[in-house]
């Protein structure tokens, strides 16, 4: 894809970005190098390679799913302003 200075200016205009000629030239150079990198990456043969969910082969450390603290909800609800049937009551905010 041949990207031109006019393309950079048009995209800047559509994005409502004011860009000087020097900046547009710099952006054009950067975009061309990005597109060149993308083309090189697309040229790589990846048939037979399994997709990875992470760049490193990591395994998550899991712990047993067991209760580690005592049930204290009665203690917490004892200091709440209003409680009914084990639920916290809050004032209506939106009418």
Protein backbone atom coordinates (compact mmCIF):
# COMPACT_ATOMS: atom_id res chain seq x y z
CA UNK A 1 0.00 0.00 0.00
CA UNK A 2 1.48 3.29 -1.07
CA UNK A 3 0.73 5.87 1.60
CA UNK A 4 1.19 9.50 0.62
CA UNK A 5 1.51 12.78 2.45
CA UNK A 6 -1.98 13.71 1.20
CA UNK A 7 -3.34 10.55 2.88
CA UNK A 8 -1.80 11.59 6.20
CA UNK A 9 -3.23 15.10 5.89
CA UNK A 10 -6.69 13.72 4.98
CA UNK A 11 -6.75 11.37 7.97
CA UNK A 12 -5.60 14.20 10.24
CA UNK A 13 -8.39 16.38 8.84
CA UNK A 14 -10.99 13.63 9.39
CA UNK A 15 -9.73 13.18 12.97
CA UNK A 16 -9.83 16.95 13.45
CA UNK A 17 -6.11 17.03 14.25
CA UNK A 18 -4.08 20.03 13.22
CA UNK A 19 -0.77 18.84 11.78
CA UNK A 20 2.17 20.79 10.39
CA UNK A 21 4.07 19.75 7.26
CA UNK A 22 7.05 18.60 9.33
CA UNK A 23 4.83 16.52 11.60
CA UNK A 24 2.97 15.05 8.63
CA UNK A 25 6.27 13.98 7.08
CA UNK A 26 7.34 12.38 10.35
CA UNK A 27 4.00 10.59 10.74
CA UNK A 28 4.20 9.37 7.14
CA UNK A 29 7.66 7.92 7.78
CA UNK A 30 6.43 6.20 10.96
CA UNK A 31 3.33 4.81 9.27
CA UNK A 32 5.35 3.46 6.37
CA UNK A 33 7.68 1.65 8.77
CA UNK A 34 4.68 0.22 10.64
CA UNK A 35 3.08 -1.01 7.40
CA UNK A 36 6.42 -2.49 6.32
CA UNK A 37 6.65 -4.39 9.61
CA UNK A 38 3.08 -5.67 9.18
CA UNK A 39 3.88 -6.90 5.66
CA UNK A 40 6.99 -8.71 6.93
CA UNK A 41 4.98 -10.31 9.73
CA UNK A 42 2.25 -11.44 7.32
CA UNK A 43 4.88 -13.07 5.11
CA UNK A 44 5.95 -15.45 7.89
CA UNK A 45 4.67 -19.02 7.45
CA UNK A 46 2.80 -19.91 10.65
CA UNK A 47 1.10 -23.10 9.48
CA UNK A 48 1.27 -25.78 12.14
CA UNK A 49 1.95 -23.36 14.99
CA UNK A 50 -0.59 -23.44 17.81
CA UNK A 51 -1.97 -20.06 18.91
CA UNK A 52 -0.92 -19.01 22.40
CA UNK A 53 -2.92 -17.13 24.98
CA UNK A 54 0.25 -15.52 26.34
CA UNK A 55 3.73 -14.82 25.00
CA UNK A 56 5.25 -16.90 27.76
CA UNK A 57 4.17 -20.41 28.67
CA UNK A 58 2.74 -19.57 32.07
CA UNK A 59 0.69 -21.70 34.40
CA UNK A 60 -1.50 -20.04 36.96
CA UNK A 61 -0.89 -20.95 40.54
CA UNK A 62 -4.20 -22.10 41.91
CA UNK A 63 -5.15 -22.59 45.52
CA UNK A 64 -7.78 -24.86 46.98
CA UNK A 65 -11.25 -23.34 47.03
CA UNK A 66 -11.81 -23.50 50.77
CA UNK A 67 -13.24 -21.07 53.30
CA UNK A 68 -10.40 -19.24 55.03
CA UNK A 69 -12.36 -16.85 57.26
CA UNK A 70 -15.21 -17.25 59.71
CA UNK A 71 -18.68 -16.01 58.77
CA UNK A 72 -19.05 -12.55 60.38
CA UNK A 73 -22.02 -11.12 58.51
CA UNK A 74 -24.04 -10.77 61.75
CA UNK A 75 -21.23 -8.70 63.25
CA UNK A 76 -21.06 -6.44 60.18
CA UNK A 77 -24.83 -6.04 59.96
CA UNK A 78 -25.05 -5.17 63.66
CA UNK A 79 -23.44 -1.79 62.95
CA UNK A 80 -25.39 -1.10 59.73
CA UNK A 81 -28.07 1.63 59.89
CA UNK A 82 -30.83 -0.59 58.45
CA UNK A 83 -30.97 -4.34 57.82
CA UNK A 84 -33.88 -6.54 56.86
CA UNK A 85 -33.82 -10.31 56.28
CA UNK A 86 -30.02 -10.30 56.10
CA UNK A 87 -29.92 -7.51 53.48
CA UNK A 88 -28.63 -3.96 53.84
CA UNK A 89 -31.31 -1.31 53.25
CA UNK A 90 -30.21 1.89 51.54
CA UNK A 91 -32.17 5.05 50.82
CA UNK A 92 -33.61 5.55 47.35
CA UNK A 93 -31.35 7.90 45.39
CA UNK A 94 -33.01 8.11 41.97
CA UNK A 95 -36.66 9.05 41.69
